[in-house]
């Protein structure tokens, strides 16, 4: 599977590198390997979550990523929007 990242996260990584070079070292050319290093550090946008049964006589499920609540399991967390996978995966 491809490692997907958000376009804005990649732009932010390049801007962070550009700002660091301009503020810390003065103006200079950015080497492509430095840009690739910063883009590779961007976390994958393909994060997934799992539903956790609340238990203790509490109905529903909790998202393991944000703690959002749902009365039933759904394909996406209604709070943070992350894609949920089966607990058997």
PDB file of N, CA and C in Angstrom:
ATOM      1  N   UNK A   1       0.844  -1.184   0.000  1.00  0.00           N
ATOM      2  CA  UNK A   1       0.000   0.000   0.000  1.00  0.00           C
ATOM      3  C   UNK A   1       0.883   1.239   0.000  1.00  0.00           C
ATOM      4  N   UNK A   2       0.443   2.244  -0.737  1.00  0.00           N
ATOM      5  CA  UNK A   2       1.168   3.509  -0.768  1.00  0.00           C
ATOM      6  C   UNK A   2       1.042   4.222   0.568  1.00  0.00           C
ATOM      7  N   UNK A   3       2.066   4.973   0.906  1.00  0.00           N
ATOM      8  CA  UNK A   3       2.036   5.777   2.120  1.00  0.00           C
ATOM      9  C   UNK A   3       1.491   7.143   1.741  1.00  0.00           C
ATOM     10  N   UNK A   4       0.282   7.445   2.149  1.00  0.00           N
ATOM     11  CA  UNK A   4      -0.363   8.692   1.776  1.00  0.00           C
ATOM     12  C   UNK A   4      -0.108   9.760   2.831  1.00  0.00           C
ATOM     13  N   UNK A   5       0.150  10.990   2.357  1.00  0.00           N
ATOM     14  CA  UNK A   5       0.273  12.144   3.249  1.00  0.00           C
ATOM     15  C   UNK A   5      -0.617  13.243   2.718  1.00  0.00           C
ATOM     16  N   UNK A   6      -0.957  14.168   3.573  1.00  0.00           N
ATOM     17  CA  UNK A   6      -1.772  15.307   3.153  1.00  0.00           C
ATOM     18  C   UNK A   6      -0.874  16.329   2.457  1.00  0.00           C
ATOM     19  N   UNK A   7      -1.395  16.901   1.384  1.00  0.00           N
ATOM     20  CA  UNK A   7      -0.639  17.897   0.621  1.00  0.00           C
ATOM     21  C   UNK A   7      -0.186  19.039   1.520  1.00  0.00           C
ATOM     22  N   UNK A   8      -1.083  19.533   2.384  1.00  0.00           N
ATOM     23  CA  UNK A   8      -0.736  20.660   3.247  1.00  0.00           C
ATOM     24  C   UNK A   8       0.367  20.288   4.231  1.00  0.00           C
ATOM     25  N   UNK A   9       0.376  19.038   4.699  1.00  0.00           N
ATOM     26  CA  UNK A   9       1.450  18.603   5.601  1.00  0.00           C
ATOM     27  C   UNK A   9       2.805  18.626   4.894  1.00  0.00           C
ATOM     28  N   UNK A  10       2.826  18.234   3.612  1.00  0.00           N
ATOM     29  CA  UNK A  10       4.076  18.278   2.845  1.00  0.00           C
ATOM     30  C   UNK A  10       4.524  19.721   2.640  1.00  0.00           C
ATOM     31  N   UNK A  11       3.587  20.598   2.317  1.00  0.00           N
ATOM     32  CA  UNK A  11       3.909  22.020   2.148  1.00  0.00           C
ATOM     33  C   UNK A  11       4.446  22.595   3.451  1.00  0.00           C
ATOM     34  N   UNK A  12       3.793  22.255   4.566  1.00  0.00           N
ATOM     35  CA  UNK A  12       4.248  22.750   5.872  1.00  0.00           C
ATOM     36  C   UNK A  12       5.658  22.265   6.188  1.00  0.00           C
ATOM     37  N   UNK A  13       5.980  21.014   5.823  1.00  0.00           N
ATOM     38  CA  UNK A  13       7.324  20.483   6.074  1.00  0.00           C
ATOM     39  C   UNK A  13       8.368  21.251   5.282  1.00  0.00           C
ATOM     40  N   UNK A  14       8.072  21.549   4.014  1.00  0.00           N
ATOM     41  CA  UNK A  14       9.016  22.307   3.187  1.00  0.00           C
ATOM     42  C   UNK A  14       9.157  23.728   3.717  1.00  0.00           C
ATOM     43  N   UNK A  15       8.050  24.348   4.137  1.00  0.00           N
ATOM     44  CA  UNK A  15       8.119  25.701   4.696  1.00  0.00           C
ATOM     45  C   UNK A  15       8.921  25.718   5.992  1.00  0.00           C
ATOM     46  N   UNK A  16       8.793  24.666   6.809  1.00  0.00           N
ATOM     47  CA  UNK A  16       9.573  24.580   8.050  1.00  0.00           C
ATOM     48  C   UNK A  16      11.068  24.523   7.737  1.00  0.00           C
ATOM     49  N   UNK A  17      11.437  23.724   6.752  1.00  0.00           N
ATOM     50  CA  UNK A  17      12.836  23.627   6.341  1.00  0.00           C
ATOM     51  C   UNK A  17      13.322  24.971   5.801  1.00  0.00           C
ATOM     52  N   UNK A  18      12.511  25.604   4.974  1.00  0.00           N
ATOM     53  CA  UNK A  18      12.875  26.899   4.389  1.00  0.00           C
ATOM     54  C   UNK A  18      13.076  27.947   5.478  1.00  0.00           C
ATOM     55  N   UNK A  19      12.161  27.980   6.448  1.00  0.00           N
ATOM     56  CA  UNK A  19      12.262  28.945   7.547  1.00  0.00           C
ATOM     57  C   UNK A  19      13.524  28.692   8.378  1.00  0.00           C
ATOM     58  N   UNK A  20      13.800  27.409   8.662  1.00  0.00           N
ATOM     59  CA  UNK A  20      14.974  27.069   9.449  1.00  0.00           C
ATOM     60  C   UNK A  20      16.248  27.536   8.743  1.00  0.00           C
ATOM     61  N   UNK A  21      16.335  27.292   7.466  1.00  0.00           N
ATOM     62  CA  UNK A  21      17.534  27.670   6.714  1.00  0.00           C
ATOM     63  C   UNK A  21      17.671  29.186   6.651  1.00  0.00           C
ATOM     64  N   UNK A  22      16.580  29.884   6.404  1.00  0.00           N
ATOM     65  CA  UNK A  22      16.648  31.337   6.287  1.00  0.00           C
ATOM     66  C   UNK A  22      16.929  32.020   7.626  1.00  0.00           C
ATOM     67  N   UNK A  23      16.377  31.500   8.724  1.00  0.00           N
ATOM     68  CA  UNK A  23      16.566  32.142  10.028  1.00  0.00           C
ATOM     69  C   UNK A  23      17.891  31.742  10.682  1.00  0.00           C
ATOM     70  N   UNK A  24      18.261  30.478  10.562  1.00  0.00           N
ATOM     71  CA  UNK A  24      19.433  29.978  11.278  1.00  0.00           C
ATOM     72  C   UNK A  24      20.737  30.120  10.505  1.00  0.00           C
ATOM     73  N   UNK A  25      20.662  30.030   9.195  1.00  0.00           N
ATOM     74  CA  UNK A  25      21.886  29.992   8.422  1.00  0.00           C
ATOM     75  C   UNK A  25      21.990  31.090   7.375  1.00  0.00           C
ATOM     76  N   UNK A  26      21.008  31.938   7.295  1.00  0.00           N
ATOM     77  CA  UNK A  26      21.003  32.919   6.225  1.00  0.00           C
ATOM     78  C   UNK A  26      20.534  32.271   4.942  1.00  0.00           C
ATOM     79  N   UNK A  27      20.390  33.026   3.913  1.00  0.00           N
ATOM     80  CA  UNK A  27      19.869  32.495   2.661  1.00  0.00           C
ATOM     81  C   UNK A  27      20.860  31.542   2.023  1.00  0.00           C
ATOM     82  N   UNK A  28      20.374  30.389   1.607  1.00  0.00           N
ATOM     83  CA  UNK A  28      21.197  29.437   0.873  1.00  0.00           C
ATOM     84  C   UNK A  28      20.289  28.482   0.107  1.00  0.00           C
ATOM     85  N   UNK A  29      20.833  27.759  -0.811  1.00  0.00           N
ATOM     86  CA  UNK A  29      20.070  26.812  -1.611  1.00  0.00           C
ATOM     87  C   UNK A  29      19.747  25.580  -0.782  1.00  0.00           C
ATOM     88  N   UNK A  30      18.527  25.065  -0.936  1.00  0.00           N
ATOM     89  CA  UNK A  30      18.103  23.864  -0.226  1.00  0.00           C
ATOM     90  C   UNK A  30      18.420  22.663  -1.102  1.00  0.00           C
ATOM     91  N   UNK A  31      19.094  21.701  -0.543  1.00  0.00           N
ATOM     92  CA  UNK A  31      19.430  20.478  -1.269  1.00  0.00           C
ATOM     93  C   UNK A  31      18.206  19.565  -1.301  1.00  0.00           C
ATOM     94  N   UNK A  32      17.978  18.892  -2.423  1.00  0.00           N
ATOM     95  CA  UNK A  32      16.792  18.049  -2.560  1.00  0.00           C
ATOM     96  C   UNK A  32      16.729  16.955  -1.502  1.00  0.00           C
ATOM     97  N   UNK A  33      17.878  16.444  -1.053  1.00  0.00           N
ATOM     98  CA  UNK A  33      17.868  15.406  -0.017  1.00  0.00           C
ATOM     99  C   UNK A  33      17.286  15.926   1.295  1.00  0.00           C
ATOM    100  N   UNK A  34      17.526  17.209   1.598  1.00  0.00           N
ATOM    101  CA  UNK A  34      16.950  17.796   2.808  1.00  0.00           C
ATOM    102  C   UNK A  34      15.426  17.889   2.690  1.00  0.00           C
ATOM    103  N   UNK A  35      14.946  18.270   1.508  1.00  0.00           N
ATOM    104  CA  UNK A  35      13.502  18.358   1.288  1.00  0.00           C
ATOM    105  C   UNK A  35      12.880  16.970   1.428  1.00  0.00           C
ATOM    106  N   UNK A  36      13.493  15.978   0.820  1.00  0.00           N
ATOM    107  CA  UNK A  36      12.978  14.608   0.902  1.00  0.00           C
ATOM    108  C   UNK A  36      12.963  14.130   2.349  1.00  0.00           C
ATOM    109  N   UNK A  37      13.998  14.460   3.116  1.00  0.00           N
ATOM    110  CA  UNK A  37      14.057  14.061   4.524  1.00  0.00           C
ATOM    111  C   UNK A  37      12.887  14.658   5.311  1.00  0.00           C
ATOM    112  N   UNK A  38      12.594  15.935   5.084  1.00  0.00           N
ATOM    113  CA  UNK A  38      11.497  16.578   5.804  1.00  0.00           C
ATOM    114  C   UNK A  38      10.143  16.033   5.374  1.00  0.00           C
ATOM    115  N   UNK A  39       9.967  15.747   4.091  1.00  0.00           N
ATOM    116  CA  UNK A  39       8.691  15.191   3.628  1.00  0.00           C
ATOM    117  C   UNK A  39       8.522  13.763   4.150  1.00  0.00           C
ATOM    118  N   UNK A  40       9.599  12.989   4.200  1.00  0.00           N
ATOM    119  CA  UNK A  40       9.510  11.634   4.745  1.00  0.00           C
ATOM    120  C   UNK A  40       9.150  11.629   6.222  1.00  0.00           C
ATOM    121  N   UNK A  41       9.415  12.714   6.929  1.00  0.00           N
ATOM    122  CA  UNK A  41       9.090  12.806   8.354  1.00  0.00           C
ATOM    123  C   UNK A  41       7.616  13.108   8.595  1.00  0.00           C
ATOM    124  N   UNK A  42       6.879  13.487   7.546  1.00  0.00           N
ATOM    125  CA  UNK A  42       5.444  13.769   7.688  1.00  0.00           C
ATOM    126  C   UNK A  42       4.726  12.454   7.962  1.00  0.00           C
ATOM    127  N   UNK A  43       3.892  12.397   9.007  1.00  0.00           N
ATOM    128  CA  UNK A  43       3.208  11.139   9.319  1.00  0.00           C
ATOM    129  C   UNK A  43       2.195  10.771   8.238  1.00  0.00           C
ATOM    130  N   UNK A  44       1.931   9.497   8.109  1.00  0.00           N
ATOM    131  CA  UNK A  44       0.975   8.999   7.129  1.00  0.00           C
ATOM    132  C   UNK A  44      -0.431   9.516   7.435  1.00  0.00           C
ATOM    133  N   UNK A  45      -1.180   9.817   6.382  1.00  0.00           N
ATOM    134  CA  UNK A  45      -2.569  10.250   6.539  1.00  0.00           C
ATOM    135  C   UNK A  45      -3.497   9.051   6.647  1.00  0.00           C
ATOM    136  N   UNK A  46      -2.958   7.868   6.512  1.00  0.00           N
ATOM    137  CA  UNK A  46      -3.753   6.653   6.545  1.00  0.00           C
ATOM    138  C   UNK A  46      -3.810   6.032   7.936  1.00  0.00           C
ATOM    139  N   UNK A  47      -3.891   6.840   8.950  1.00  0.00           N
ATOM    140  CA  UNK A  47      -4.032   6.319  10.303  1.00  0.00           C
ATOM    141  C   UNK A  47      -5.414   5.683  10.433  1.00  0.00           C
ATOM    142  N   UNK A  48      -5.509   4.697  11.283  1.00  0.00           N
ATOM    143  CA  UNK A  48      -6.792   4.063  11.556  1.00  0.00           C
ATOM    144  C   UNK A  48      -6.985   3.976  13.052  1.00  0.00           C
ATOM    145  N   UNK A  49      -8.217   3.773  13.443  1.00  0.00           N
ATOM    146  CA  UNK A  49      -8.542   3.625  14.851  1.00  0.00           C
ATOM    147  C   UNK A  49      -9.351   2.368  15.081  1.00  0.00           C
ATOM    148  N   UNK A  50      -9.589   2.057  16.334  1.00  0.00           N
ATOM    149  CA  UNK A  50     -10.407   0.906  16.705  1.00  0.00           C
ATOM    150  C   UNK A  50     -11.406   1.332  17.762  1.00  0.00           C
ATOM    151  N   UNK A  51     -12.564   0.694  17.718  1.00  0.00           N
ATOM    152  CA  UNK A  51     -13.574   0.945  18.735  1.00  0.00           C
ATOM    153  C   UNK A  51     -13.265   0.115  19.977  1.00  0.00           C
ATOM    154  N   UNK A  52     -13.415   0.725  21.138  1.00  0.00           N
ATOM    155  CA  UNK A  52     -13.221   0.048  22.421  1.00  0.00           C
ATOM    156  C   UNK A  52     -14.559   0.051  23.141  1.00  0.00           C
ATOM    157  N   UNK A  53     -15.020  -1.134  23.562  1.00  0.00           N
ATOM    158  CA  UNK A  53     -16.271  -1.197  24.316  1.00  0.00           C
ATOM    159  C   UNK A  53     -16.085  -0.466  25.634  1.00  0.00           C
ATOM    160  N   UNK A  54     -17.058   0.370  25.988  1.00  0.00           N
ATOM    161  CA  UNK A  54     -16.921   1.165  27.218  1.00  0.00           C
ATOM    162  C   UNK A  54     -17.027   0.312  28.466  1.00  0.00           C
ATOM    163  N   UNK A  55     -17.901  -0.690  28.479  1.00  0.00           N
ATOM    164  CA  UNK A  55     -17.998  -1.606  29.626  1.00  0.00           C
ATOM    165  C   UNK A  55     -18.528  -0.930  30.877  1.00  0.00           C
ATOM    166  N   UNK A  56     -18.410  -1.606  32.001  1.00  0.00           N
ATOM    167  CA  UNK A  56     -18.869  -1.107  33.309  1.00  0.00           C
ATOM    168  C   UNK A  56     -20.272  -0.518  33.235  1.00  0.00           C
ATOM    169  N   UNK A  57     -21.167  -1.241  32.569  1.00  0.00           N
ATOM    170  CA  UNK A  57     -22.576  -0.848  32.440  1.00  0.00           C
ATOM    171  C   UNK A  57     -22.782   0.424  31.631  1.00  0.00           C
ATOM    172  N   UNK A  58     -21.753   0.897  30.943  1.00  0.00           N
ATOM    173  CA  UNK A  58     -21.891   2.059  30.062  1.00  0.00           C
ATOM    174  C   UNK A  58     -22.093   1.549  28.651  1.00  0.00           C
ATOM    175  N   UNK A  59     -23.084   2.065  27.966  1.00  0.00           N
ATOM    176  CA  UNK A  59     -23.360   1.630  26.609  1.00  0.00           C
ATOM    177  C   UNK A  59     -22.446   2.347  25.624  1.00  0.00           C
ATOM    178  N   UNK A  60     -22.190   1.678  24.499  1.00  0.00           N
ATOM    179  CA  UNK A  60     -21.471   2.329  23.424  1.00  0.00           C
ATOM    180  C   UNK A  60     -20.005   1.979  23.361  1.00  0.00           C
ATOM    181  N   UNK A  61     -19.322   2.744  22.506  1.00  0.00           N
ATOM    182  CA  UNK A  61     -17.927   2.485  22.182  1.00  0.00           C
ATOM    183  C   UNK A  61     -17.135   3.788  22.202  1.00  0.00           C
ATOM    184  N   UNK A  62     -15.829   3.658  22.447  1.00  0.00           N
ATOM    185  CA  UNK A  62     -14.943   4.812  22.498  1.00  0.00           C
ATOM    186  C   UNK A  62     -13.878   4.646  21.422  1.00  0.00           C
ATOM    187  N   UNK A  63     -13.547   5.734  20.707  1.00  0.00           N
ATOM    188  CA  UNK A  63     -12.479   5.740  19.709  1.00  0.00           C
ATOM    189  C   UNK A  63     -11.141   5.694  20.443  1.00  0.00           C
ATOM    190  N   UNK A  64     -10.257   4.778  20.031  1.00  0.00           N
ATOM    191  CA  UNK A  64      -8.963   4.667  20.708  1.00  0.00           C
ATOM    192  C   UNK A  64      -8.005   5.798  20.335  1.00  0.00           C
ATOM    193  N   UNK A  65      -8.350   6.623  19.351  1.00  0.00           N
ATOM    194  CA  UNK A  65      -7.480   7.719  18.922  1.00  0.00           C
ATOM    195  C   UNK A  65      -7.831   9.037  19.611  1.00  0.00           C
ATOM    196  N   UNK A  66      -9.132   9.339  19.709  1.00  0.00           N
ATOM    197  CA  UNK A  66      -9.517  10.649  20.259  1.00  0.00           C
ATOM    198  C   UNK A  66     -10.409  10.548  21.491  1.00  0.00           C
ATOM    199  N   UNK A  67     -10.897   9.341  21.794  1.00  0.00           N
ATOM    200  CA  UNK A  67     -11.788   9.177  22.941  1.00  0.00           C
ATOM    201  C   UNK A  67     -13.230   9.501  22.623  1.00  0.00           C
ATOM    202  N   UNK A  68     -13.527   9.788  21.346  1.00  0.00           N
ATOM    203  CA  UNK A  68     -14.904  10.102  20.935  1.00  0.00           C
ATOM    204  C   UNK A  68     -15.830   8.923  21.197  1.00  0.00           C
ATOM    205  N   UNK A  69     -17.099   9.214  21.388  1.00  0.00           N
ATOM    206  CA  UNK A  69     -18.098   8.229  21.794  1.00  0.00           C
ATOM    207  C   UNK A  69     -19.080   7.969  20.662  1.00  0.00           C
ATOM    208  N   UNK A  70     -19.516   6.720  20.548  1.00  0.00           N
ATOM    209  CA  UNK A  70     -20.576   6.335  19.617  1.00  0.00           C
ATOM    210  C   UNK A  70     -21.396   5.230  20.270  1.00  0.00           C
ATOM    211  N   UNK A  71     -22.691   5.243  20.038  1.00  0.00           N
ATOM    212  CA  UNK A  71     -23.538   4.187  20.590  1.00  0.00           C
ATOM    213  C   UNK A  71     -23.315   2.858  19.885  1.00  0.00           C
ATOM    214  N   UNK A  72     -22.860   2.902  18.652  1.00  0.00           N
ATOM    215  CA  UNK A  72     -22.578   1.688  17.889  1.00  0.00           C
ATOM    216  C   UNK A  72     -21.315   1.898  17.067  1.00  0.00           C
ATOM    217  N   UNK A  73     -20.763   0.792  16.581  1.00  0.00           N
ATOM    218  CA  UNK A  73     -19.556   0.896  15.774  1.00  0.00           C
ATOM    219  C   UNK A  73     -19.932   1.416  14.386  1.00  0.00           C
ATOM    220  N   UNK A  74     -19.149   2.326  13.891  1.00  0.00           N
ATOM    221  CA  UNK A  74     -19.350   2.913  12.576  1.00  0.00           C
ATOM    222  C   UNK A  74     -18.025   2.852  11.819  1.00  0.00           C
ATOM    223  N   UNK A  75     -18.040   2.999  10.484  1.00  0.00           N
ATOM    224  CA  UNK A  75     -16.794   2.932   9.721  1.00  0.00           C
ATOM    225  C   UNK A  75     -15.822   4.080  10.019  1.00  0.00           C
ATOM    226  N   UNK A  76     -16.347   5.209  10.502  1.00  0.00           N
ATOM    227  CA  UNK A  76     -15.519   6.374  10.824  1.00  0.00           C
ATOM    228  C   UNK A  76     -15.936   6.926  12.174  1.00  0.00           C
ATOM    229  N   UNK A  77     -14.989   7.474  12.918  1.00  0.00           N
ATOM    230  CA  UNK A  77     -15.308   8.102  14.205  1.00  0.00           C
ATOM    231  C   UNK A  77     -16.063   9.395  13.942  1.00  0.00           C
ATOM    232  N   UNK A  78     -17.228   9.593  14.550  1.00  0.00           N
ATOM    233  CA  UNK A  78     -17.978  10.826  14.332  1.00  0.00           C
ATOM    234  C   UNK A  78     -17.308  12.058  14.945  1.00  0.00           C
ATOM    235  N   UNK A  79     -16.339  11.849  15.845  1.00  0.00           N
ATOM    236  CA  UNK A  79     -15.659  12.960  16.489  1.00  0.00           C
ATOM    237  C   UNK A  79     -14.432  13.440  15.705  1.00  0.00           C
ATOM    238  N   UNK A  80     -13.519  12.505  15.362  1.00  0.00           N
ATOM    239  CA  UNK A  80     -12.269  12.907  14.697  1.00  0.00           C
ATOM    240  C   UNK A  80     -12.221  12.525  13.219  1.00  0.00           C
ATOM    241  N   UNK A  81     -13.142  11.682  12.761  1.00  0.00           N
ATOM    242  CA  UNK A  81     -13.208  11.326  11.354  1.00  0.00           C
ATOM    243  C   UNK A  81     -12.252  10.227  10.907  1.00  0.00           C
ATOM    244  N   UNK A  82     -11.469   9.671  11.839  1.00  0.00           N
ATOM    245  CA  UNK A  82     -10.509   8.637  11.469  1.00  0.00           C
ATOM    246  C   UNK A  82     -11.253   7.364  11.036  1.00  0.00           C
ATOM    247  N   UNK A  83     -10.667   6.641  10.063  1.00  0.00           N
ATOM    248  CA  UNK A  83     -11.265   5.394   9.595  1.00  0.00           C
ATOM    249  C   UNK A  83     -11.051   4.329  10.661  1.00  0.00           C
ATOM    250  N   UNK A  84     -12.117   3.643  11.002  1.00  0.00           N
ATOM    251  CA  UNK A  84     -12.061   2.614  12.031  1.00  0.00           C
ATOM    252  C   UNK A  84     -11.904   1.250  11.383  1.00  0.00           C
ATOM    253  N   UNK A  85     -11.079   0.394  11.986  1.00  0.00           N
ATOM    254  CA  UNK A  85     -10.883  -0.960  11.504  1.00  0.00           C
ATOM    255  C   UNK A  85     -11.465  -1.930  12.531  1.00  0.00           C
ATOM    256  N   UNK A  86     -11.703  -3.132  12.087  1.00  0.00           N
ATOM    257  CA  UNK A  86     -12.242  -4.161  12.970  1.00  0.00           C
ATOM    258  C   UNK A  86     -11.212  -4.511  14.026  1.00  0.00           C
ATOM    259  N   UNK A  87     -11.659  -4.830  15.207  1.00  0.00           N
ATOM    260  CA  UNK A  87     -10.744  -5.245  16.275  1.00  0.00           C
ATOM    261  C   UNK A  87     -10.068  -6.564  15.944  1.00  0.00           C
ATOM    262  N   UNK A  88     -10.579  -7.274  14.932  1.00  0.00           N
ATOM    263  CA  UNK A  88      -9.982  -8.547  14.525  1.00  0.00           C
ATOM    264  C   UNK A  88      -8.845  -8.359  13.539  1.00  0.00           C
ATOM    265  N   UNK A  89      -8.641  -7.129  13.013  1.00  0.00           N
ATOM    266  CA  UNK A  89      -7.594  -6.861  12.015  1.00  0.00           C
ATOM    267  C   UNK A  89      -6.233  -6.773  12.656  1.00  0.00           C
TER     268      UNK A  89
END
